[in-house]
Amino acid sequence: MYKQIEQALEKIDSSSKPNQEKIKAILKRYAMNESGLDEAYYDLLEDGLIPMPQRCGMSAKIPVTEEDEKRLKEKIKTALLD
């Protein structure tokens, strides 16, 4: 989940303009603590902005530490809010 959100941020420039705007809106809400990691992930999935995980490729949910989330939010803020 964490990695897919990070990849969405990294690949934002290669997305279509409408998709870029959707990704930016979702990630900004997450970075500003208006939504959680799970909500941002599912919003990206529902809008088709990140690939749906393959059933056989699904693994146990790896816990994301508070430090991981802080790092991701800072990365988003640096990329989108500056």
PDB file of N, CA and C in Angstrom:
ATOM      1  N   MET A   1       0.838  -1.183   0.000  1.00  0.00           N
ATOM      2  CA  MET A   1       0.000   0.000   0.000  1.00  0.00           C
ATOM      3  C   MET A   1       0.888   1.252   0.000  1.00  0.00           C
ATOM      4  N   TYR A   2       1.799   1.321   0.967  1.00  0.00           N
ATOM      5  CA  TYR A   2       2.723   2.453   1.086  1.00  0.00           C
ATOM      6  C   TYR A   2       3.518   2.617  -0.198  1.00  0.00           C
ATOM      7  N   LYS A   3       4.072   1.493  -0.691  1.00  0.00           N
ATOM      8  CA  LYS A   3       4.900   1.529  -1.902  1.00  0.00           C
ATOM      9  C   LYS A   3       4.096   1.977  -3.116  1.00  0.00           C
ATOM     10  N   GLN A   4       2.841   1.530  -3.229  1.00  0.00           N
ATOM     11  CA  GLN A   4       2.028   1.914  -4.372  1.00  0.00           C
ATOM     12  C   GLN A   4       1.711   3.407  -4.349  1.00  0.00           C
ATOM     13  N   ILE A   5       1.501   3.970  -3.176  1.00  0.00           N
ATOM     14  CA  ILE A   5       1.249   5.409  -3.073  1.00  0.00           C
ATOM     15  C   ILE A   5       2.514   6.165  -3.451  1.00  0.00           C
ATOM     16  N   GLU A   6       3.652   5.669  -2.992  1.00  0.00           N
ATOM     17  CA  GLU A   6       4.929   6.283  -3.333  1.00  0.00           C
ATOM     18  C   GLU A   6       5.163   6.222  -4.850  1.00  0.00           C
ATOM     19  N   GLN A   7       4.839   5.102  -5.474  1.00  0.00           N
ATOM     20  CA  GLN A   7       4.993   4.953  -6.916  1.00  0.00           C
ATOM     21  C   GLN A   7       4.046   5.878  -7.676  1.00  0.00           C
ATOM     22  N   ALA A   8       2.833   6.073  -7.169  1.00  0.00           N
ATOM     23  CA  ALA A   8       1.886   6.993  -7.808  1.00  0.00           C
ATOM     24  C   ALA A   8       2.471   8.397  -7.833  1.00  0.00           C
ATOM     25  N   LEU A   9       3.108   8.787  -6.757  1.00  0.00           N
ATOM     26  CA  LEU A   9       3.735  10.104  -6.675  1.00  0.00           C
ATOM     27  C   LEU A   9       4.883  10.209  -7.675  1.00  0.00           C
ATOM     28  N   GLU A  10       5.699   9.170  -7.747  1.00  0.00           N
ATOM     29  CA  GLU A  10       6.852   9.183  -8.634  1.00  0.00           C
ATOM     30  C   GLU A  10       6.452   9.186 -10.107  1.00  0.00           C
ATOM     31  N   LYS A  11       5.324   8.565 -10.435  1.00  0.00           N
ATOM     32  CA  LYS A  11       4.898   8.440 -11.839  1.00  0.00           C
ATOM     33  C   LYS A  11       3.839   9.457 -12.231  1.00  0.00           C
ATOM     34  N   ILE A  12       3.601  10.432 -11.388  1.00  0.00           N
ATOM     35  CA  ILE A  12       2.523  11.392 -11.625  1.00  0.00           C
ATOM     36  C   ILE A  12       2.704  12.141 -12.946  1.00  0.00           C
ATOM     37  N   ASP A  13       3.935  12.496 -13.281  1.00  0.00           N
ATOM     38  CA  ASP A  13       4.188  13.266 -14.498  1.00  0.00           C
ATOM     39  C   ASP A  13       3.895  12.490 -15.779  1.00  0.00           C
ATOM     40  N   SER A  14       3.936  11.160 -15.708  1.00  0.00           N
ATOM     41  CA  SER A  14       3.669  10.357 -16.895  1.00  0.00           C
ATOM     42  C   SER A  14       2.180  10.029 -17.056  1.00  0.00           C
ATOM     43  N   SER A  15       1.367  10.491 -16.127  1.00  0.00           N
ATOM     44  CA  SER A  15      -0.081  10.270 -16.198  1.00  0.00           C
ATOM     45  C   SER A  15      -0.735  11.348 -17.055  1.00  0.00           C
ATOM     46  N   SER A  16      -1.955  11.069 -17.507  1.00  0.00           N
ATOM     47  CA  SER A  16      -2.704  12.076 -18.263  1.00  0.00           C
ATOM     48  C   SER A  16      -3.025  13.247 -17.343  1.00  0.00           C
ATOM     49  N   LYS A  17      -3.300  14.398 -17.931  1.00  0.00           N
ATOM     50  CA  LYS A  17      -3.571  15.603 -17.134  1.00  0.00           C
ATOM     51  C   LYS A  17      -4.729  15.394 -16.140  1.00  0.00           C
ATOM     52  N   PRO A  18      -5.872  14.831 -16.580  1.00  0.00           N
ATOM     53  CA  PRO A  18      -6.966  14.618 -15.616  1.00  0.00           C
ATOM     54  C   PRO A  18      -6.560  13.679 -14.473  1.00  0.00           C
ATOM     55  N   ASN A  19      -5.800  12.633 -14.798  1.00  0.00           N
ATOM     56  CA  ASN A  19      -5.355  11.703 -13.758  1.00  0.00           C
ATOM     57  C   ASN A  19      -4.349  12.359 -12.825  1.00  0.00           C
ATOM     58  N   GLN A  20      -3.500  13.222 -13.366  1.00  0.00           N
ATOM     59  CA  GLN A  20      -2.551  13.954 -12.527  1.00  0.00           C
ATOM     60  C   GLN A  20      -3.295  14.760 -11.474  1.00  0.00           C
ATOM     61  N   GLU A  21      -4.358  15.432 -11.900  1.00  0.00           N
ATOM     62  CA  GLU A  21      -5.133  16.256 -10.973  1.00  0.00           C
ATOM     63  C   GLU A  21      -5.786  15.403  -9.887  1.00  0.00           C
ATOM     64  N   LYS A  22      -6.310  14.234 -10.275  1.00  0.00           N
ATOM     65  CA  LYS A  22      -6.939  13.334  -9.297  1.00  0.00           C
ATOM     66  C   LYS A  22      -5.911  12.826  -8.300  1.00  0.00           C
ATOM     67  N   ILE A  23      -4.749  12.399  -8.802  1.00  0.00           N
ATOM     68  CA  ILE A  23      -3.693  11.889  -7.924  1.00  0.00           C
ATOM     69  C   ILE A  23      -3.250  12.983  -6.960  1.00  0.00           C
ATOM     70  N   LYS A  24      -3.033  14.179  -7.495  1.00  0.00           N
ATOM     71  CA  LYS A  24      -2.592  15.295  -6.655  1.00  0.00           C
ATOM     72  C   LYS A  24      -3.608  15.583  -5.551  1.00  0.00           C
ATOM     73  N   ALA A  25      -4.884  15.591  -5.891  1.00  0.00           N
ATOM     74  CA  ALA A  25      -5.928  15.882  -4.903  1.00  0.00           C
ATOM     75  C   ALA A  25      -5.934  14.832  -3.793  1.00  0.00           C
ATOM     76  N   ILE A  26      -5.839  13.562  -4.169  1.00  0.00           N
ATOM     77  CA  ILE A  26      -5.849  12.477  -3.181  1.00  0.00           C
ATOM     78  C   ILE A  26      -4.616  12.550  -2.293  1.00  0.00           C
ATOM     79  N   LEU A  27      -3.453  12.741  -2.908  1.00  0.00           N
ATOM     80  CA  LEU A  27      -2.211  12.775  -2.133  1.00  0.00           C
ATOM     81  C   LEU A  27      -2.118  14.015  -1.247  1.00  0.00           C
ATOM     82  N   LYS A  28      -2.646  15.127  -1.727  1.00  0.00           N
ATOM     83  CA  LYS A  28      -2.643  16.343  -0.899  1.00  0.00           C
ATOM     84  C   LYS A  28      -3.519  16.156   0.334  1.00  0.00           C
ATOM     85  N   ARG A  29      -4.694  15.526   0.155  1.00  0.00           N
ATOM     86  CA  ARG A  29      -5.566  15.264   1.311  1.00  0.00           C
ATOM     87  C   ARG A  29      -4.841  14.401   2.336  1.00  0.00           C
ATOM     88  N   TYR A  30      -4.148  13.402   1.838  1.00  0.00           N
ATOM     89  CA  TYR A  30      -3.396  12.519   2.731  1.00  0.00           C
ATOM     90  C   TYR A  30      -2.272  13.286   3.437  1.00  0.00           C
ATOM     91  N   ALA A  31      -1.502  14.055   2.677  1.00  0.00           N
ATOM     92  CA  ALA A  31      -0.367  14.789   3.242  1.00  0.00           C
ATOM     93  C   ALA A  31      -0.804  15.825   4.276  1.00  0.00           C
ATOM     94  N   MET A  32      -2.014  16.355   4.114  1.00  0.00           N
ATOM     95  CA  MET A  32      -2.512  17.375   5.039  1.00  0.00           C
ATOM     96  C   MET A  32      -3.344  16.754   6.168  1.00  0.00           C
ATOM     97  N   ASN A  33      -3.254  15.433   6.313  1.00  0.00           N
ATOM     98  CA  ASN A  33      -3.958  14.690   7.377  1.00  0.00           C
ATOM     99  C   ASN A  33      -5.480  14.772   7.279  1.00  0.00           C
ATOM    100  N   GLU A  34      -5.988  14.983   6.068  1.00  0.00           N
ATOM    101  CA  GLU A  34      -7.436  15.003   5.861  1.00  0.00           C
ATOM    102  C   GLU A  34      -7.965  13.605   5.551  1.00  0.00           C
ATOM    103  N   SER A  35      -7.051  12.689   5.247  1.00  0.00           N
ATOM    104  CA  SER A  35      -7.416  11.287   5.040  1.00  0.00           C
ATOM    105  C   SER A  35      -6.252  10.435   5.516  1.00  0.00           C
ATOM    106  N   GLY A  36      -6.530   9.169   5.729  1.00  0.00           N
ATOM    107  CA  GLY A  36      -5.493   8.250   6.180  1.00  0.00           C
ATOM    108  C   GLY A  36      -4.848   7.521   5.019  1.00  0.00           C
ATOM    109  N   LEU A  37      -3.839   6.731   5.323  1.00  0.00           N
ATOM    110  CA  LEU A  37      -3.124   5.965   4.314  1.00  0.00           C
ATOM    111  C   LEU A  37      -4.056   5.003   3.588  1.00  0.00           C
ATOM    112  N   ASP A  38      -4.886   4.281   4.349  1.00  0.00           N
ATOM    113  CA  ASP A  38      -5.816   3.328   3.739  1.00  0.00           C
ATOM    114  C   ASP A  38      -6.788   4.030   2.800  1.00  0.00           C
ATOM    115  N   GLU A  39      -7.335   5.146   3.234  1.00  0.00           N
ATOM    116  CA  GLU A  39      -8.304   5.880   2.415  1.00  0.00           C
ATOM    117  C   GLU A  39      -7.662   6.382   1.127  1.00  0.00           C
ATOM    118  N   ALA A  40      -6.454   6.920   1.231  1.00  0.00           N
ATOM    119  CA  ALA A  40      -5.757   7.402   0.038  1.00  0.00           C
ATOM    120  C   ALA A  40      -5.506   6.248  -0.928  1.00  0.00           C
ATOM    121  N   TYR A  41      -5.092   5.121  -0.392  1.00  0.00           N
ATOM    122  CA  TYR A  41      -4.828   3.945  -1.217  1.00  0.00           C
ATOM    123  C   TYR A  41      -6.089   3.489  -1.953  1.00  0.00           C
ATOM    124  N   TYR A  42      -7.185   3.369  -1.216  1.00  0.00           N
ATOM    125  CA  TYR A  42      -8.423   2.905  -1.843  1.00  0.00           C
ATOM    126  C   TYR A  42      -8.995   3.930  -2.814  1.00  0.00           C
ATOM    127  N   ASP A  43      -8.813   5.215  -2.548  1.00  0.00           N
ATOM    128  CA  ASP A  43      -9.242   6.241  -3.504  1.00  0.00           C
ATOM    129  C   ASP A  43      -8.457   6.121  -4.806  1.00  0.00           C
ATOM    130  N   LEU A  44      -7.162   5.899  -4.708  1.00  0.00           N
ATOM    131  CA  LEU A  44      -6.330   5.724  -5.906  1.00  0.00           C
ATOM    132  C   LEU A  44      -6.754   4.473  -6.674  1.00  0.00           C
ATOM    133  N   LEU A  45      -7.042   3.393  -5.941  1.00  0.00           N
ATOM    134  CA  LEU A  45      -7.493   2.150  -6.586  1.00  0.00           C
ATOM    135  C   LEU A  45      -8.835   2.341  -7.283  1.00  0.00           C
ATOM    136  N   GLU A  46      -9.790   2.939  -6.579  1.00  0.00           N
ATOM    137  CA  GLU A  46     -11.146   3.107  -7.121  1.00  0.00           C
ATOM    138  C   GLU A  46     -11.161   3.960  -8.382  1.00  0.00           C
ATOM    139  N   ASP A  47     -10.279   4.946  -8.440  1.00  0.00           N
ATOM    140  CA  ASP A  47     -10.221   5.810  -9.622  1.00  0.00           C
ATOM    141  C   ASP A  47      -9.336   5.233 -10.716  1.00  0.00           C
ATOM    142  N   GLY A  48      -8.788   4.035 -10.500  1.00  0.00           N
ATOM    143  CA  GLY A  48      -7.941   3.399 -11.506  1.00  0.00           C
ATOM    144  C   GLY A  48      -6.603   4.100 -11.686  1.00  0.00           C
ATOM    145  N   LEU A  49      -6.133   4.767 -10.650  1.00  0.00           N
ATOM    146  CA  LEU A  49      -4.902   5.545 -10.745  1.00  0.00           C
ATOM    147  C   LEU A  49      -3.670   4.737 -10.362  1.00  0.00           C
ATOM    148  N   ILE A  50      -3.882   3.619  -9.698  1.00  0.00           N
ATOM    149  CA  ILE A  50      -2.827   2.654  -9.426  1.00  0.00           C
ATOM    150  C   ILE A  50      -3.380   1.288  -9.797  1.00  0.00           C
ATOM    151  N   PRO A  51      -2.506   0.354 -10.171  1.00  0.00           N
ATOM    152  CA  PRO A  51      -3.006  -0.955 -10.586  1.00  0.00           C
ATOM    153  C   PRO A  51      -3.582  -1.755  -9.422  1.00  0.00           C
ATOM    154  N   MET A  52      -4.631  -2.478  -9.723  1.00  0.00           N
ATOM    155  CA  MET A  52      -5.245  -3.370  -8.745  1.00  0.00           C
ATOM    156  C   MET A  52      -4.252  -4.496  -8.472  1.00  0.00           C
ATOM    157  N   PRO A  53      -3.988  -4.815  -7.198  1.00  0.00           N
ATOM    158  CA  PRO A  53      -3.043  -5.903  -6.913  1.00  0.00           C
ATOM    159  C   PRO A  53      -3.604  -7.232  -7.390  1.00  0.00           C
ATOM    160  N   GLN A  54      -2.728  -8.064  -7.882  1.00  0.00           N
ATOM    161  CA  GLN A  54      -3.135  -9.392  -8.324  1.00  0.00           C
ATOM    162  C   GLN A  54      -3.343 -10.267  -7.097  1.00  0.00           C
ATOM    163  N   ARG A  55      -4.347 -11.096  -7.159  1.00  0.00           N
ATOM    164  CA  ARG A  55      -4.679 -11.937  -6.007  1.00  0.00           C
ATOM    165  C   ARG A  55      -3.475 -12.771  -5.575  1.00  0.00           C
ATOM    166  N   CYS A  56      -2.784 -13.385  -6.521  1.00  0.00           N
ATOM    167  CA  CYS A  56      -1.657 -14.241  -6.154  1.00  0.00           C
ATOM    168  C   CYS A  56      -0.478 -13.418  -5.635  1.00  0.00           C
ATOM    169  N   GLY A  57      -0.441 -12.137  -5.985  1.00  0.00           N
ATOM    170  CA  GLY A  57       0.650 -11.283  -5.549  1.00  0.00           C
ATOM    171  C   GLY A  57       0.388 -10.596  -4.224  1.00  0.00           C
ATOM    172  N   MET A  58      -0.813 -10.775  -3.706  1.00  0.00           N
ATOM    173  CA  MET A  58      -1.140 -10.125  -2.441  1.00  0.00           C
ATOM    174  C   MET A  58      -0.415 -10.830  -1.314  1.00  0.00           C
ATOM    175  N   SER A  59       0.069 -10.051  -0.389  1.00  0.00           N
ATOM    176  CA  SER A  59       0.759 -10.632   0.750  1.00  0.00           C
ATOM    177  C   SER A  59       0.200 -10.006   2.018  1.00  0.00           C
ATOM    178  N   ALA A  60       0.701 -10.467   3.115  1.00  0.00           N
ATOM    179  CA  ALA A  60       0.254  -9.914   4.388  1.00  0.00           C
ATOM    180  C   ALA A  60       0.566  -8.427   4.425  1.00  0.00           C
ATOM    181  N   LYS A  61      -0.312  -7.679   5.026  1.00  0.00           N
ATOM    182  CA  LYS A  61      -0.127  -6.233   5.128  1.00  0.00           C
ATOM    183  C   LYS A  61       1.075  -5.953   6.019  1.00  0.00           C
ATOM    184  N   ILE A  62       2.067  -5.276   5.450  1.00  0.00           N
ATOM    185  CA  ILE A  62       3.265  -4.931   6.197  1.00  0.00           C
ATOM    186  C   ILE A  62       2.970  -3.658   6.968  1.00  0.00           C
ATOM    187  N   PRO A  63       3.175  -3.687   8.265  1.00  0.00           N
ATOM    188  CA  PRO A  63       2.863  -2.496   9.054  1.00  0.00           C
ATOM    189  C   PRO A  63       3.736  -1.304   8.652  1.00  0.00           C
ATOM    190  N   VAL A  64       3.107  -0.163   8.558  1.00  0.00           N
ATOM    191  CA  VAL A  64       3.806   1.072   8.220  1.00  0.00           C
ATOM    192  C   VAL A  64       4.007   1.828   9.524  1.00  0.00           C
ATOM    193  N   THR A  65       5.242   2.219   9.766  1.00  0.00           N
ATOM    194  CA  THR A  65       5.533   2.929  11.007  1.00  0.00           C
ATOM    195  C   THR A  65       5.138   4.396  10.876  1.00  0.00           C
ATOM    196  N   GLU A  66       5.032   5.040  12.003  1.00  0.00           N
ATOM    197  CA  GLU A  66       4.716   6.469  12.020  1.00  0.00           C
ATOM    198  C   GLU A  66       5.803   7.249  11.267  1.00  0.00           C
ATOM    199  N   GLU A  67       7.042   6.800  11.412  1.00  0.00           N
ATOM    200  CA  GLU A  67       8.162   7.453  10.728  1.00  0.00           C
ATOM    201  C   GLU A  67       8.034   7.294   9.211  1.00  0.00           C
ATOM    202  N   ASP A  68       7.598   6.110   8.757  1.00  0.00           N
ATOM    203  CA  ASP A  68       7.370   5.884   7.321  1.00  0.00           C
ATOM    204  C   ASP A  68       6.329   6.869   6.795  1.00  0.00           C
ATOM    205  N   GLU A  69       5.236   7.021   7.539  1.00  0.00           N
ATOM    206  CA  GLU A  69       4.171   7.925   7.110  1.00  0.00           C
ATOM    207  C   GLU A  69       4.655   9.370   7.081  1.00  0.00           C
ATOM    208  N   LYS A  70       5.432   9.771   8.077  1.00  0.00           N
ATOM    209  CA  LYS A  70       5.970  11.135   8.087  1.00  0.00           C
ATOM    210  C   LYS A  70       6.841  11.379   6.859  1.00  0.00           C
ATOM    211  N   ARG A  71       7.680  10.390   6.545  1.00  0.00           N
ATOM    212  CA  ARG A  71       8.559  10.505   5.381  1.00  0.00           C
ATOM    213  C   ARG A  71       7.755  10.628   4.093  1.00  0.00           C
ATOM    214  N   LEU A  72       6.717   9.800   3.958  1.00  0.00           N
ATOM    215  CA  LEU A  72       5.878   9.835   2.756  1.00  0.00           C
ATOM    216  C   LEU A  72       5.152  11.168   2.644  1.00  0.00           C
ATOM    217  N   LYS A  73       4.604  11.649   3.733  1.00  0.00           N
ATOM    218  CA  LYS A  73       3.886  12.927   3.705  1.00  0.00           C
ATOM    219  C   LYS A  73       4.825  14.072   3.346  1.00  0.00           C
ATOM    220  N   GLU A  74       6.047  14.051   3.858  1.00  0.00           N
ATOM    221  CA  GLU A  74       7.027  15.093   3.512  1.00  0.00           C
ATOM    222  C   GLU A  74       7.391  15.020   2.033  1.00  0.00           C
ATOM    223  N   LYS A  75       7.520  13.811   1.525  1.00  0.00           N
ATOM    224  CA  LYS A  75       7.829  13.615   0.107  1.00  0.00           C
ATOM    225  C   LYS A  75       6.705  14.193  -0.765  1.00  0.00           C
ATOM    226  N   ILE A  76       5.466  13.943  -0.364  1.00  0.00           N
ATOM    227  CA  ILE A  76       4.312  14.460  -1.101  1.00  0.00           C
ATOM    228  C   ILE A  76       4.280  15.979  -1.031  1.00  0.00           C
ATOM    229  N   LYS A  77       4.453  16.503   0.154  1.00  0.00           N
ATOM    230  CA  LYS A  77       4.440  17.963   0.315  1.00  0.00           C
ATOM    231  C   LYS A  77       5.531  18.625  -0.513  1.00  0.00           C
ATOM    232  N   THR A  78       6.717  18.057  -0.514  1.00  0.00           N
ATOM    233  CA  THR A  78       7.820  18.610  -1.289  1.00  0.00           C
ATOM    234  C   THR A  78       7.509  18.579  -2.780  1.00  0.00           C
ATOM    235  N   ALA A  79       6.928  17.479  -3.242  1.00  0.00           N
ATOM    236  CA  ALA A  79       6.639  17.331  -4.675  1.00  0.00           C
ATOM    237  C   ALA A  79       5.454  18.141  -5.140  1.00  0.00           C
ATOM    238  N   LEU A  80       4.421  18.268  -4.312  1.00  0.00           N
ATOM    239  CA  LEU A  80       3.160  18.854  -4.776  1.00  0.00           C
ATOM    240  C   LEU A  80       2.841  20.240  -4.226  1.00  0.00           C
ATOM    241  N   LEU A  81       3.372  20.568  -3.080  1.00  0.00           N
ATOM    242  CA  LEU A  81       2.958  21.805  -2.452  1.00  0.00           C
ATOM    243  C   LEU A  81       3.984  22.928  -2.571  1.00  0.00           C
ATOM    244  N   ASP A  82       5.148  22.641  -3.102  1.00  0.00           N
ATOM    245  CA  ASP A  82       6.160  23.695  -3.250  1.00  0.00           C
ATOM    246  C   ASP A  82       5.987  24.462  -4.534  1.00  0.00           C
TER     247      ASP A  82
END
